[in-house]
């Protein structure tokens, strides 16, 4: 799991050889969060961290351990690439976002993501 806290962390995504659409999406998400934070965006990722999940991450265990559970689970359908975006509300001021490539998790987690998002990935139904 790669945590994005700084612009330099985005480089880790390229080094991990993640698909370009996911890297671009993470960059746009990062820029949007910085813009929301205003001029002093130094603490934006203390309150809104972004995690890019990799194969083998124990995501479902992490989600079940959070008292508030997921705020949203959505399927992001980009040309040639699909991933889930999961928002986990940690408290009233802190939401963590997880970007999870489709078919990168174990069967139970993938089934949970499909069920929670309410969408099947085109071509993988």
N, C-alpha and C. Protein backbone atom coordinates (compact mmCIF):
# COMPACT_ATOMS: atom_id res chain seq x y z
N UNK A 1 0.86 -1.17 0.00
CA UNK A 1 0.00 0.00 0.00
C UNK A 1 0.90 1.23 0.00
N UNK A 2 0.60 2.13 -0.90
CA UNK A 2 1.39 3.36 -1.01
C UNK A 2 0.54 4.51 -0.50
N UNK A 3 1.07 5.25 0.48
CA UNK A 3 0.36 6.41 1.00
C UNK A 3 0.89 7.66 0.30
N UNK A 4 -0.03 8.48 -0.16
CA UNK A 4 0.33 9.72 -0.83
C UNK A 4 0.10 10.87 0.14
N UNK A 5 1.20 11.52 0.52
CA UNK A 5 1.13 12.66 1.42
C UNK A 5 1.75 13.91 0.80
N UNK A 6 2.63 13.69 -0.17
CA UNK A 6 3.32 14.82 -0.81
C UNK A 6 3.35 14.57 -2.32
N UNK A 7 3.71 15.61 -3.05
CA UNK A 7 3.83 15.48 -4.49
C UNK A 7 4.91 14.46 -4.84
N UNK A 8 5.93 14.36 -4.01
CA UNK A 8 7.01 13.39 -4.24
C UNK A 8 6.48 11.96 -4.13
N UNK A 9 5.48 11.77 -3.30
CA UNK A 9 4.90 10.42 -3.14
C UNK A 9 4.25 9.94 -4.43
N UNK A 10 3.80 10.86 -5.26
CA UNK A 10 3.22 10.46 -6.53
C UNK A 10 4.24 9.73 -7.40
N UNK A 11 5.51 10.09 -7.25
CA UNK A 11 6.57 9.41 -8.00
C UNK A 11 6.65 7.93 -7.62
N UNK A 12 6.32 7.61 -6.39
CA UNK A 12 6.33 6.21 -5.95
C UNK A 12 5.37 5.36 -6.76
N UNK A 13 4.28 5.97 -7.23
CA UNK A 13 3.31 5.23 -8.03
C UNK A 13 3.93 4.80 -9.36
N UNK A 14 4.69 5.70 -9.96
CA UNK A 14 5.35 5.35 -11.22
C UNK A 14 6.43 4.29 -10.99
N UNK A 15 7.15 4.42 -9.88
CA UNK A 15 8.19 3.44 -9.56
C UNK A 15 7.60 2.06 -9.28
N UNK A 16 6.38 2.04 -8.76
CA UNK A 16 5.71 0.77 -8.48
C UNK A 16 5.11 0.16 -9.74
N UNK A 17 5.27 0.85 -10.86
CA UNK A 17 4.78 0.40 -12.17
C UNK A 17 3.26 0.22 -12.19
N UNK A 18 2.58 1.15 -11.56
CA UNK A 18 1.13 1.14 -11.59
C UNK A 18 0.65 1.74 -12.91
N UNK A 19 -0.54 1.38 -13.35
CA UNK A 19 -1.05 1.87 -14.62
C UNK A 19 -1.16 3.40 -14.66
N UNK A 20 -0.85 3.97 -15.81
CA UNK A 20 -0.87 5.42 -15.99
C UNK A 20 -2.22 6.05 -15.64
N UNK A 21 -3.38 5.44 -16.01
CA UNK A 21 -4.65 6.08 -15.62
C UNK A 21 -4.80 6.22 -14.10
N UNK A 22 -4.31 5.25 -13.35
CA UNK A 22 -4.39 5.33 -11.89
C UNK A 22 -3.47 6.42 -11.36
N UNK A 23 -2.28 6.52 -11.91
CA UNK A 23 -1.34 7.56 -11.50
C UNK A 23 -1.92 8.94 -11.80
N UNK A 24 -2.50 9.11 -12.98
CA UNK A 24 -3.10 10.39 -13.36
C UNK A 24 -4.26 10.74 -12.44
N UNK A 25 -5.10 9.76 -12.14
CA UNK A 25 -6.25 10.00 -11.26
C UNK A 25 -5.76 10.42 -9.87
N UNK A 26 -4.76 9.72 -9.35
CA UNK A 26 -4.22 10.05 -8.03
C UNK A 26 -3.65 11.46 -8.03
N UNK A 27 -2.98 11.84 -9.12
CA UNK A 27 -2.45 13.20 -9.22
C UNK A 27 -3.54 14.25 -9.22
N UNK A 28 -4.62 13.99 -9.94
CA UNK A 28 -5.76 14.92 -9.97
C UNK A 28 -6.42 15.00 -8.60
N UNK A 29 -6.55 13.86 -7.93
CA UNK A 29 -7.14 13.84 -6.60
C UNK A 29 -6.27 14.65 -5.63
N UNK A 30 -4.97 14.44 -5.71
CA UNK A 30 -4.02 15.17 -4.88
C UNK A 30 -4.15 16.67 -5.11
N UNK A 31 -4.18 17.10 -6.38
CA UNK A 31 -4.30 18.52 -6.71
C UNK A 31 -5.61 19.10 -6.20
N UNK A 32 -6.70 18.33 -6.32
CA UNK A 32 -7.99 18.80 -5.83
C UNK A 32 -8.01 18.98 -4.32
N UNK A 33 -7.40 18.05 -3.61
CA UNK A 33 -7.34 18.17 -2.15
C UNK A 33 -6.49 19.36 -1.73
N UNK A 34 -5.39 19.59 -2.45
CA UNK A 34 -4.56 20.76 -2.15
C UNK A 34 -5.33 22.05 -2.40
N UNK A 35 -6.09 22.10 -3.48
CA UNK A 35 -6.88 23.30 -3.80
C UNK A 35 -7.94 23.56 -2.74
N UNK A 36 -8.57 22.50 -2.25
CA UNK A 36 -9.58 22.63 -1.19
C UNK A 36 -8.97 23.19 0.08
N UNK A 37 -7.73 22.84 0.34
CA UNK A 37 -7.07 23.26 1.58
C UNK A 37 -6.66 24.73 1.54
N UNK A 38 -6.64 25.32 0.34
CA UNK A 38 -6.25 26.72 0.23
C UNK A 38 -4.75 26.89 0.21
N UNK A 39 -4.31 28.11 0.55
CA UNK A 39 -2.88 28.43 0.47
C UNK A 39 -2.04 27.55 1.38
N UNK A 40 -2.49 27.34 2.58
CA UNK A 40 -1.72 26.52 3.50
C UNK A 40 -2.29 25.11 3.51
N UNK A 41 -1.94 24.33 2.49
CA UNK A 41 -2.44 22.97 2.37
C UNK A 41 -1.54 21.96 3.04
N UNK A 42 -0.73 22.41 3.96
CA UNK A 42 0.28 21.54 4.55
C UNK A 42 -0.31 20.37 5.32
N UNK A 43 -1.50 20.53 5.88
CA UNK A 43 -2.05 19.43 6.68
C UNK A 43 -3.16 18.67 5.96
N UNK A 44 -3.37 18.93 4.67
CA UNK A 44 -4.48 18.30 3.97
C UNK A 44 -4.40 16.78 4.04
N UNK A 45 -3.21 16.22 3.95
CA UNK A 45 -3.11 14.77 3.95
C UNK A 45 -3.03 14.18 5.36
N UNK A 46 -2.94 15.04 6.37
CA UNK A 46 -3.13 14.54 7.74
C UNK A 46 -4.61 14.23 7.95
N UNK A 47 -5.47 15.01 7.29
CA UNK A 47 -6.92 14.84 7.45
C UNK A 47 -7.56 14.07 6.32
N UNK A 48 -6.90 13.95 5.18
CA UNK A 48 -7.47 13.27 4.02
C UNK A 48 -6.40 12.46 3.28
N UNK A 49 -5.84 11.45 3.92
CA UNK A 49 -4.79 10.68 3.23
C UNK A 49 -5.36 9.87 2.06
N UNK A 50 -4.50 9.64 1.08
CA UNK A 50 -4.86 8.82 -0.08
C UNK A 50 -3.92 7.62 -0.09
N UNK A 51 -4.50 6.44 -0.23
CA UNK A 51 -3.73 5.20 -0.28
C UNK A 51 -4.00 4.52 -1.61
N UNK A 52 -2.95 4.07 -2.26
CA UNK A 52 -3.09 3.27 -3.47
C UNK A 52 -2.75 1.84 -3.07
N UNK A 53 -3.73 0.97 -3.22
CA UNK A 53 -3.56 -0.41 -2.78
C UNK A 53 -2.88 -1.24 -3.85
N UNK A 54 -2.14 -2.22 -3.38
CA UNK A 54 -1.43 -3.14 -4.26
C UNK A 54 -1.89 -4.56 -3.93
N UNK A 55 -1.54 -5.49 -4.78
CA UNK A 55 -1.90 -6.89 -4.56
C UNK A 55 -1.40 -7.33 -3.19
N UNK A 56 -2.26 -8.04 -2.49
CA UNK A 56 -1.88 -8.59 -1.19
C UNK A 56 -2.17 -7.70 0.00
N UNK A 57 -2.57 -6.46 -0.22
CA UNK A 57 -2.92 -5.60 0.91
C UNK A 57 -4.16 -6.16 1.61
N UNK A 58 -4.16 -6.12 2.90
CA UNK A 58 -5.28 -6.64 3.69
C UNK A 58 -6.32 -5.55 3.90
N UNK A 59 -6.91 -5.11 2.82
CA UNK A 59 -7.82 -3.98 2.84
C UNK A 59 -9.11 -4.25 3.62
N UNK A 60 -9.71 -5.39 3.40
CA UNK A 60 -10.99 -5.68 4.05
C UNK A 60 -10.84 -5.71 5.57
N UNK A 61 -9.76 -6.25 6.06
CA UNK A 61 -9.50 -6.23 7.51
C UNK A 61 -9.42 -4.80 8.03
N UNK A 62 -8.76 -3.94 7.27
CA UNK A 62 -8.60 -2.54 7.67
C UNK A 62 -9.96 -1.83 7.69
N UNK A 63 -10.78 -2.09 6.67
CA UNK A 63 -12.09 -1.45 6.59
C UNK A 63 -12.98 -1.91 7.75
N UNK A 64 -12.96 -3.18 8.03
CA UNK A 64 -13.81 -3.71 9.11
C UNK A 64 -13.37 -3.22 10.49
N UNK A 65 -12.12 -2.82 10.63
CA UNK A 65 -11.61 -2.36 11.92
C UNK A 65 -11.99 -0.91 12.22
N UNK A 66 -12.45 -0.17 11.21
CA UNK A 66 -12.79 1.23 11.39
C UNK A 66 -14.22 1.34 11.91
N UNK A 67 -14.42 2.09 13.00
CA UNK A 67 -15.76 2.13 13.62
C UNK A 67 -16.87 2.67 12.73
N UNK A 68 -16.58 3.62 11.84
CA UNK A 68 -17.63 4.23 11.03
C UNK A 68 -17.85 3.52 9.70
N UNK A 69 -16.91 2.69 9.29
CA UNK A 69 -17.05 1.97 8.03
C UNK A 69 -16.89 2.88 6.83
N UNK A 70 -17.21 2.37 5.65
CA UNK A 70 -17.01 3.16 4.44
C UNK A 70 -18.08 4.24 4.28
N UNK A 71 -17.63 5.40 3.83
CA UNK A 71 -18.53 6.50 3.49
C UNK A 71 -19.07 6.28 2.08
N UNK A 72 -18.22 5.77 1.20
CA UNK A 72 -18.63 5.46 -0.17
C UNK A 72 -17.69 4.41 -0.75
N UNK A 73 -18.23 3.67 -1.70
CA UNK A 73 -17.45 2.72 -2.51
C UNK A 73 -17.96 2.91 -3.94
N UNK A 74 -17.06 3.28 -4.84
CA UNK A 74 -17.48 3.50 -6.22
C UNK A 74 -16.48 2.87 -7.17
N UNK A 75 -17.01 2.45 -8.29
CA UNK A 75 -16.17 1.91 -9.35
C UNK A 75 -15.81 3.06 -10.28
N UNK A 76 -14.52 3.25 -10.52
CA UNK A 76 -14.06 4.27 -11.46
C UNK A 76 -13.69 3.52 -12.74
N UNK A 77 -14.41 3.82 -13.79
CA UNK A 77 -14.26 3.11 -15.06
C UNK A 77 -13.55 4.02 -16.04
N UNK A 78 -12.26 3.78 -16.22
CA UNK A 78 -11.46 4.58 -17.16
C UNK A 78 -11.16 3.71 -18.38
N UNK A 79 -10.91 4.32 -19.52
CA UNK A 79 -10.61 3.52 -20.72
C UNK A 79 -9.44 2.56 -20.48
N UNK A 80 -9.75 1.28 -20.54
CA UNK A 80 -8.72 0.26 -20.40
C UNK A 80 -8.29 -0.04 -18.99
N UNK A 81 -8.89 0.62 -18.01
CA UNK A 81 -8.48 0.38 -16.62
C UNK A 81 -9.64 0.69 -15.68
N UNK A 82 -9.80 -0.15 -14.68
CA UNK A 82 -10.88 0.01 -13.71
C UNK A 82 -10.30 -0.09 -12.30
N UNK A 83 -10.80 0.75 -11.41
CA UNK A 83 -10.40 0.64 -10.01
C UNK A 83 -11.54 1.13 -9.13
N UNK A 84 -11.47 0.74 -7.88
CA UNK A 84 -12.46 1.18 -6.90
C UNK A 84 -11.87 2.35 -6.12
N UNK A 85 -12.74 3.27 -5.77
CA UNK A 85 -12.38 4.36 -4.87
C UNK A 85 -13.25 4.19 -3.63
N UNK A 86 -12.60 4.04 -2.50
CA UNK A 86 -13.30 3.80 -1.24
C UNK A 86 -12.94 4.92 -0.28
N UNK A 87 -13.95 5.56 0.27
CA UNK A 87 -13.74 6.59 1.29
C UNK A 87 -14.11 6.04 2.65
N UNK A 88 -13.18 6.10 3.56
CA UNK A 88 -13.38 5.58 4.92
C UNK A 88 -13.39 6.76 5.88
N UNK A 89 -14.52 6.98 6.51
CA UNK A 89 -14.65 8.05 7.49
C UNK A 89 -14.03 7.58 8.80
N UNK A 90 -12.96 8.27 9.20
CA UNK A 90 -12.25 7.88 10.42
C UNK A 90 -12.75 8.67 11.63
N UNK A 91 -13.16 9.90 11.42
CA UNK A 91 -13.88 10.70 12.40
C UNK A 91 -14.55 11.85 11.65
N UNK A 92 -15.10 12.81 12.35
CA UNK A 92 -15.85 13.88 11.67
C UNK A 92 -15.00 14.72 10.72
N UNK A 93 -13.70 14.77 10.93
CA UNK A 93 -12.83 15.62 10.11
C UNK A 93 -11.81 14.85 9.29
N UNK A 94 -11.87 13.55 9.28
CA UNK A 94 -10.80 12.77 8.67
C UNK A 94 -11.39 11.66 7.81
N UNK A 95 -11.13 11.74 6.52
CA UNK A 95 -11.56 10.67 5.62
C UNK A 95 -10.34 10.19 4.84
N UNK A 96 -10.16 8.91 4.83
CA UNK A 96 -9.07 8.30 4.07
C UNK A 96 -9.67 7.75 2.77
N UNK A 97 -8.95 7.95 1.67
CA UNK A 97 -9.41 7.45 0.39
C UNK A 97 -8.46 6.35 -0.08
N UNK A 98 -9.05 5.28 -0.56
CA UNK A 98 -8.29 4.14 -1.06
C UNK A 98 -8.60 3.96 -2.54
N UNK A 99 -7.57 3.84 -3.34
CA UNK A 99 -7.70 3.55 -4.77
C UNK A 99 -7.23 2.12 -4.95
N UNK A 100 -8.13 1.25 -5.43
CA UNK A 100 -7.86 -0.18 -5.46
C UNK A 100 -8.08 -0.72 -6.88
N UNK A 101 -7.01 -1.09 -7.57
CA UNK A 101 -7.19 -1.67 -8.90
C UNK A 101 -8.07 -2.92 -8.84
N UNK A 102 -8.98 -3.05 -9.81
CA UNK A 102 -9.84 -4.23 -9.89
C UNK A 102 -8.96 -5.47 -10.05
N UNK A 103 -9.36 -6.53 -9.38
CA UNK A 103 -8.66 -7.82 -9.41
C UNK A 103 -7.27 -7.78 -8.78
N UNK A 104 -7.05 -6.86 -7.86
CA UNK A 104 -5.76 -6.82 -7.15
C UNK A 104 -5.85 -7.38 -5.74
N UNK A 105 -7.07 -7.72 -5.31
CA UNK A 105 -7.27 -8.18 -3.94
C UNK A 105 -7.74 -9.63 -3.93
N UNK A 106 -7.84 -10.20 -2.74
CA UNK A 106 -8.33 -11.57 -2.62
C UNK A 106 -9.81 -11.63 -3.00
N UNK A 107 -10.34 -12.84 -3.18
CA UNK A 107 -11.72 -13.01 -3.66
C UNK A 107 -12.75 -12.38 -2.74
N UNK A 108 -12.58 -12.51 -1.42
CA UNK A 108 -13.55 -11.93 -0.49
C UNK A 108 -13.59 -10.41 -0.61
N UNK A 109 -12.42 -9.80 -0.71
CA UNK A 109 -12.36 -8.34 -0.82
C UNK A 109 -12.96 -7.88 -2.15
N UNK A 110 -12.61 -8.56 -3.24
CA UNK A 110 -13.18 -8.20 -4.54
C UNK A 110 -14.70 -8.32 -4.54
N UNK A 111 -15.21 -9.38 -3.94
CA UNK A 111 -16.67 -9.56 -3.86
C UNK A 111 -17.30 -8.44 -3.04
N UNK A 112 -16.67 -8.07 -1.94
CA UNK A 112 -17.18 -7.00 -1.09
C UNK A 112 -17.18 -5.68 -1.85
N UNK A 113 -16.11 -5.39 -2.58
CA UNK A 113 -16.03 -4.15 -3.36
C UNK A 113 -17.12 -4.09 -4.42
N UNK A 114 -17.32 -5.21 -5.14
CA UNK A 114 -18.39 -5.25 -6.16
C UNK A 114 -19.74 -5.02 -5.52
N UNK A 115 -20.00 -5.69 -4.42
CA UNK A 115 -21.29 -5.57 -3.74
C UNK A 115 -21.52 -4.14 -3.24
N UNK A 116 -20.51 -3.57 -2.61
CA UNK A 116 -20.66 -2.23 -2.04
C UNK A 116 -20.79 -1.15 -3.11
N UNK A 117 -20.10 -1.32 -4.22
CA UNK A 117 -20.17 -0.32 -5.28
C UNK A 117 -21.47 -0.47 -6.07
N UNK A 118 -22.06 -1.67 -6.05
CA UNK A 118 -23.29 -1.90 -6.78
C UNK A 118 -23.09 -1.99 -8.28
N UNK A 119 -21.83 -2.12 -8.71
CA UNK A 119 -21.56 -2.16 -10.14
C UNK A 119 -20.62 -3.32 -10.47
N UNK A 120 -20.87 -3.90 -11.61
CA UNK A 120 -19.98 -4.94 -12.13
C UNK A 120 -19.04 -4.26 -13.14
N UNK A 121 -17.83 -4.73 -13.20
CA UNK A 121 -16.88 -4.19 -14.15
C UNK A 121 -17.21 -4.76 -15.53
N UNK A 122 -17.38 -3.87 -16.49
CA UNK A 122 -17.72 -4.30 -17.85
C UNK A 122 -16.65 -5.26 -18.37
N UNK A 123 -17.11 -6.38 -18.89
CA UNK A 123 -16.18 -7.37 -19.44
C UNK A 123 -15.70 -8.37 -18.40
N UNK A 124 -16.02 -8.14 -17.12
CA UNK A 124 -15.59 -9.07 -16.07
C UNK A 124 -16.76 -9.69 -15.33
N UNK A 125 -17.99 -9.41 -15.78
CA UNK A 125 -19.16 -9.95 -15.08
C UNK A 125 -19.18 -11.45 -15.12
